[in-house]
């Protein structure tokens, strides 16, 4: 037998194992949520027995909204998951026509796992069907989002055409790697706005501040600077830099963009 044939396949690398752990976390918590929905559907169906509006399927059933709920699951020896406000994000997804089973199916396989080009060095993942993007966030960012999740939910329901990012899940995955190190990853699941049939001519990365984001013309020639950061000049020759002034913000960016979507 040839030497190459005797060799065993390479073991998955660290990124692949982490990616699988995150996919497993989201998928497992999603199935647990579906089980709870099915149980609730049966209970309400029994209560509605004999009524004209009795429910016979759990596909359209929503659990009562619980903004404070955190579900924790011990998936395996290496993986533990926390699912934040599952009923809230399920309701949000359904408001945009996304069924729970479709969402879980999309999350079965992920790609990516590398750092983004920004300064935050957060990890980015994408569902294999490219419908959703996952980004790791810091602990204080998760806590900040958690504090206004109720306001976020009602704003999204009242303004379905908003330009605000559509968050569809919030998780913490605790993963024990091959070295026996237990690491914690906080993640948000977002709709991938670039998964569209519309042609995209320009992409802008909106920032809330220009602090430490302006580079000189000379620095733009530095190959160590990412293409994204090279365009951050006071007067970009490429014409791609945009500055949103105070008057524009005062008049309401949200109302402007929403009206454009509605009219378009």
Protein backbone atom coordinates (compact mmCIF):
# COMPACT_ATOMS: atom_id res chain seq x y z
CA UNK A 1 0.00 0.00 0.00
CA UNK A 2 1.25 3.46 -0.89
CA UNK A 3 2.47 5.62 1.98
CA UNK A 4 -0.11 8.31 1.23
CA UNK A 5 -2.92 5.77 1.47
CA UNK A 6 -1.81 4.79 4.97
CA UNK A 7 -1.98 8.36 6.25
CA UNK A 8 -5.07 9.25 8.26
CA UNK A 9 -7.07 12.35 7.27
CA UNK A 10 -6.07 15.58 8.91
CA UNK A 11 -8.05 16.47 12.02
CA UNK A 12 -10.23 19.60 11.78
CA UNK A 13 -8.40 22.81 12.61
CA UNK A 14 -9.30 25.07 15.52
CA UNK A 15 -11.44 27.40 13.40
CA UNK A 16 -13.49 24.53 11.99
CA UNK A 17 -14.09 23.09 15.47
CA UNK A 18 -15.19 26.47 16.80
CA UNK A 19 -17.43 27.00 13.78
CA UNK A 20 -19.03 23.60 14.34
CA UNK A 21 -19.53 24.36 18.05
CA UNK A 22 -21.32 27.61 17.26
CA UNK A 23 -23.51 25.97 14.60
CA UNK A 24 -24.33 23.23 17.08
CA UNK A 25 -25.21 25.80 19.75
CA UNK A 26 -27.59 27.74 17.54
CA UNK A 27 -29.14 24.60 16.05
CA UNK A 28 -29.64 22.89 19.42
CA UNK A 29 -31.18 25.95 21.06
CA UNK A 30 -33.41 26.40 18.01
CA UNK A 31 -34.71 22.83 18.27
CA UNK A 32 -35.33 23.30 21.99
CA UNK A 33 -37.34 26.42 21.19
CA UNK A 34 -39.35 24.50 18.58
CA UNK A 35 -40.13 21.81 21.16
CA UNK A 36 -41.44 24.45 23.55
CA UNK A 37 -43.53 26.00 20.79
CA UNK A 38 -45.03 22.60 19.93
CA UNK A 39 -45.88 21.97 23.58
CA UNK A 40 -47.48 25.40 23.87
CA UNK A 41 -49.45 24.79 20.64
CA UNK A 42 -50.87 21.55 22.06
CA UNK A 43 -51.82 23.26 25.31
CA UNK A 44 -53.56 26.14 23.56
CA UNK A 45 -55.24 23.73 21.12
CA UNK A 46 -56.74 21.85 24.05
CA UNK A 47 -57.95 25.11 25.55
CA UNK A 48 -59.43 26.15 22.20
CA UNK A 49 -61.11 22.81 21.55
CA UNK A 50 -64.52 23.33 20.06
CA UNK A 51 -63.77 26.91 19.03
CA UNK A 52 -63.63 28.02 15.40
CA UNK A 53 -60.17 29.50 15.83
CA UNK A 54 -58.63 26.33 17.30
CA UNK A 55 -54.99 25.87 16.30
CA UNK A 56 -54.04 22.61 14.61
CA UNK A 57 -50.44 23.41 13.71
CA UNK A 58 -47.51 24.90 15.62
CA UNK A 59 -46.00 26.54 12.51
CA UNK A 60 -47.70 29.88 13.17
CA UNK A 61 -47.81 29.69 16.95
CA UNK A 62 -45.75 32.18 18.94
CA UNK A 63 -44.75 31.80 22.56
CA UNK A 64 -45.72 34.66 24.87
CA UNK A 65 -43.06 37.35 24.65
CA UNK A 66 -40.46 37.10 27.39
CA UNK A 67 -37.81 39.81 27.26
CA UNK A 68 -35.92 38.53 30.32
CA UNK A 69 -35.61 34.86 29.37
CA UNK A 70 -32.19 33.21 29.10
CA UNK A 71 -32.08 29.50 28.22
CA UNK A 72 -28.88 27.61 29.00
CA UNK A 73 -28.07 24.23 27.45
CA UNK A 74 -25.29 21.76 28.12
CA UNK A 75 -24.90 20.39 24.61
CA UNK A 76 -21.80 18.26 25.11
CA UNK A 77 -18.72 18.02 27.28
CA UNK A 78 -17.07 20.72 25.19
CA UNK A 79 -20.02 23.00 24.38
CA UNK A 80 -22.45 25.00 26.52
CA UNK A 81 -24.84 27.56 25.06
CA UNK A 82 -26.95 30.45 26.33
CA UNK A 83 -29.86 31.60 24.16
CA UNK A 84 -31.06 35.09 25.04
CA UNK A 85 -34.75 36.01 24.61
CA UNK A 86 -35.53 33.19 22.15
CA UNK A 87 -39.23 34.03 21.98
CA UNK A 88 -38.39 37.65 21.09
CA UNK A 89 -36.02 36.84 18.25
CA UNK A 90 -38.34 34.11 16.96
CA UNK A 91 -41.15 36.66 16.79
CA UNK A 92 -38.85 39.13 15.05
CA UNK A 93 -37.86 36.54 12.44
CA UNK A 94 -41.47 35.61 11.84
CA UNK A 95 -42.37 39.27 11.36
CA UNK A 96 -39.95 39.21 8.41
CA UNK A 97 -41.38 35.98 7.03
CA UNK A 98 -38.72 33.64 8.43
CA UNK A 99 -40.00 30.42 9.97
CA UNK A 100 -38.10 28.79 12.82
CA UNK A 101 -37.35 25.60 10.87
CA UNK A 102 -35.99 27.57 7.92
CA UNK A 103 -33.72 29.50 10.26
CA UNK A 104 -32.44 26.33 11.95
CA UNK A 105 -31.79 24.71 8.57
CA UNK A 106 -29.71 27.71 7.48
CA UNK A 107 -27.60 27.42 10.64
CA UNK A 108 -26.67 23.76 10.18
CA UNK A 109 -23.45 24.68 8.39
CA UNK A 110 -21.37 27.83 8.80
CA UNK A 111 -18.46 29.32 6.91
CA UNK A 112 -15.85 31.87 7.98
CA UNK A 113 -14.51 32.28 11.49
CA UNK A 114 -11.74 34.76 10.72
CA UNK A 115 -11.25 38.29 12.01
CA UNK A 116 -12.90 41.16 10.18
CA UNK A 117 -10.93 43.98 8.61
CA UNK A 118 -11.98 46.46 11.28
CA UNK A 119 -10.14 47.44 14.44
CA UNK A 120 -12.37 45.40 16.74
CA UNK A 121 -10.80 42.08 15.64
CA UNK A 122 -14.15 40.36 16.14
CA UNK A 123 -14.80 37.02 14.44
CA UNK A 124 -17.28 36.73 11.60
CA UNK A 125 -19.25 33.69 10.48
CA UNK A 126 -21.84 33.20 7.77
CA UNK A 127 -24.53 30.62 7.21
CA UNK A 128 -23.72 28.43 4.23
CA UNK A 129 -26.75 29.74 2.34
CA UNK A 130 -25.42 33.27 2.99
CA UNK A 131 -28.69 34.47 4.53
CA UNK A 132 -27.24 35.28 7.95
CA UNK A 133 -24.05 36.76 9.36
CA UNK A 134 -22.78 36.09 12.89
CA UNK A 135 -20.36 38.37 14.67
CA UNK A 136 -18.69 37.95 18.03
CA UNK A 137 -19.20 40.86 20.40
CA UNK A 138 -17.66 41.86 23.70
CA UNK A 139 -19.36 41.17 27.01
CA UNK A 140 -20.27 44.80 27.65
CA UNK A 141 -21.75 45.07 24.15
CA UNK A 142 -23.99 42.09 24.82
CA UNK A 143 -25.10 43.64 28.11
CA UNK A 144 -25.80 46.96 26.38
CA UNK A 145 -27.97 45.28 23.73
CA UNK A 146 -29.71 43.26 26.43
CA UNK A 147 -30.70 46.46 28.23
CA UNK A 148 -32.67 47.91 25.32
CA UNK A 149 -33.87 44.73 23.63
CA UNK A 150 -37.50 45.55 24.50
CA UNK A 151 -37.26 48.97 22.84
CA UNK A 152 -35.46 47.40 19.88
CA UNK A 153 -38.19 44.79 19.41
CA UNK A 154 -41.10 47.21 19.44
CA UNK A 155 -39.26 49.64 17.17
CA UNK A 156 -38.63 46.90 14.59
CA UNK A 157 -42.26 45.75 14.75
CA UNK A 158 -43.53 49.31 14.33
CA UNK A 159 -40.99 50.15 11.59
CA UNK A 160 -40.47 47.02 9.45
CA UNK A 161 -38.71 49.02 6.70
CA UNK A 162 -36.19 50.56 9.10
CA UNK A 163 -32.56 50.76 8.02
CA UNK A 164 -31.45 49.59 11.46
CA UNK A 165 -29.66 46.24 11.39
CA UNK A 166 -31.99 43.25 11.73
CA UNK A 167 -30.78 41.14 14.63
CA UNK A 168 -32.24 37.64 14.65
CA UNK A 169 -30.44 35.99 17.56
CA UNK A 170 -28.22 36.59 20.58
CA UNK A 171 -26.08 33.80 22.01
CA UNK A 172 -23.16 32.92 24.23
CA UNK A 173 -21.20 29.78 23.38
CA UNK A 174 -18.74 28.40 25.94
CA UNK A 175 -16.38 26.10 24.10
CA UNK A 176 -13.54 23.91 25.33
CA UNK A 177 -10.89 23.73 22.62
CA UNK A 178 -8.38 20.99 21.86
CA UNK A 179 -5.98 22.42 24.44
CA UNK A 180 -8.55 22.09 27.20
CA UNK A 181 -9.07 25.87 27.36
CA UNK A 182 -12.64 27.03 27.98
CA UNK A 183 -13.42 30.18 26.04
CA UNK A 184 -16.56 32.27 25.91
CA UNK A 185 -17.92 33.70 22.65
CA UNK A 186 -20.81 36.18 22.60
CA UNK A 187 -22.51 36.34 19.20
CA UNK A 188 -25.23 38.24 17.41
CA UNK A 189 -27.02 36.84 14.37
CA UNK A 190 -27.84 39.39 11.69
CA UNK A 191 -29.59 39.39 8.35
CA UNK A 192 -27.07 39.50 5.50
CA UNK A 193 -28.17 42.59 3.57
CA UNK A 194 -25.90 41.66 0.65
CA UNK A 195 -27.96 38.51 -0.01
CA UNK A 196 -30.29 40.23 -2.45
CA UNK A 197 -31.37 40.15 -6.07
CA UNK A 198 -30.81 43.90 -6.31
CA UNK A 199 -27.53 45.01 -7.95
CA UNK A 200 -25.16 46.62 -5.42
CA UNK A 201 -23.06 49.48 -6.79
CA UNK A 202 -21.53 50.91 -3.61
CA UNK A 203 -20.99 49.66 -0.07
CA UNK A 204 -20.56 51.96 2.92
CA UNK A 205 -19.42 51.06 6.42
CA UNK A 206 -21.25 53.56 8.64
CA UNK A 207 -19.37 54.69 11.75
CA UNK A 208 -20.59 56.68 14.68
CA UNK A 209 -17.29 58.55 15.03
CA UNK A 210 -14.31 59.61 12.94
CA UNK A 211 -12.00 59.38 15.97
CA UNK A 212 -8.81 57.52 14.95
CA UNK A 213 -10.35 56.76 11.57
CA UNK A 214 -8.65 59.41 9.42
CA UNK A 215 -5.42 58.46 7.62
CA UNK A 216 -3.07 60.60 5.58
CA UNK A 217 -2.57 60.28 1.84
CA UNK A 218 0.92 58.84 2.50
CA UNK A 219 -0.51 56.23 4.86
CA UNK A 220 -2.90 55.10 2.16
CA UNK A 221 0.08 53.70 0.27
CA UNK A 222 1.03 51.48 3.20
CA UNK A 223 0.24 47.86 2.26
CA UNK A 224 -0.31 47.02 5.94
CA UNK A 225 -3.41 49.21 6.01
CA UNK A 226 -6.58 47.44 4.88
CA UNK A 227 -8.41 48.76 1.80
CA UNK A 228 -11.28 49.74 4.07
CA UNK A 229 -9.07 52.02 6.16
CA UNK A 230 -7.20 53.51 3.20
CA UNK A 231 -10.32 55.37 2.12
CA UNK A 232 -10.67 57.14 5.45
CA UNK A 233 -9.13 60.45 4.46
CA UNK A 234 -10.37 64.00 5.08
CA UNK A 235 -10.87 64.44 1.30
CA UNK A 236 -10.88 61.04 -0.33
CA UNK A 237 -9.85 61.21 -4.02
CA UNK A 238 -12.03 58.18 -4.67
CA UNK A 239 -15.13 60.10 -3.70
CA UNK A 240 -16.30 57.32 -1.40
CA UNK A 241 -16.02 59.12 1.93
CA UNK A 242 -19.19 60.67 3.31
CA UNK A 243 -19.68 62.81 6.39
CA UNK A 244 -23.07 63.02 8.11
CA UNK A 245 -23.34 66.46 9.64
CA UNK A 246 -25.08 67.46 12.85
CA UNK A 247 -28.00 69.06 11.00
CA UNK A 248 -28.65 65.85 9.09
CA UNK A 249 -28.63 63.81 12.28
CA UNK A 250 -30.88 66.31 14.02
CA UNK A 251 -33.50 66.04 11.28
CA UNK A 252 -33.56 62.28 11.72
CA UNK A 253 -31.63 59.79 9.63
CA UNK A 254 -34.17 57.12 10.47
CA UNK A 255 -37.15 59.05 9.09
CA UNK A 256 -35.31 59.88 5.87
CA UNK A 257 -34.18 56.38 5.07
CA UNK A 258 -37.49 54.78 6.05
CA UNK A 259 -39.45 57.13 3.79
CA UNK A 260 -37.14 56.28 0.88
CA UNK A 261 -37.72 52.58 1.36
CA UNK A 262 -41.46 53.06 1.62
CA UNK A 263 -41.61 55.19 -1.52
CA UNK A 264 -39.21 52.94 -3.45
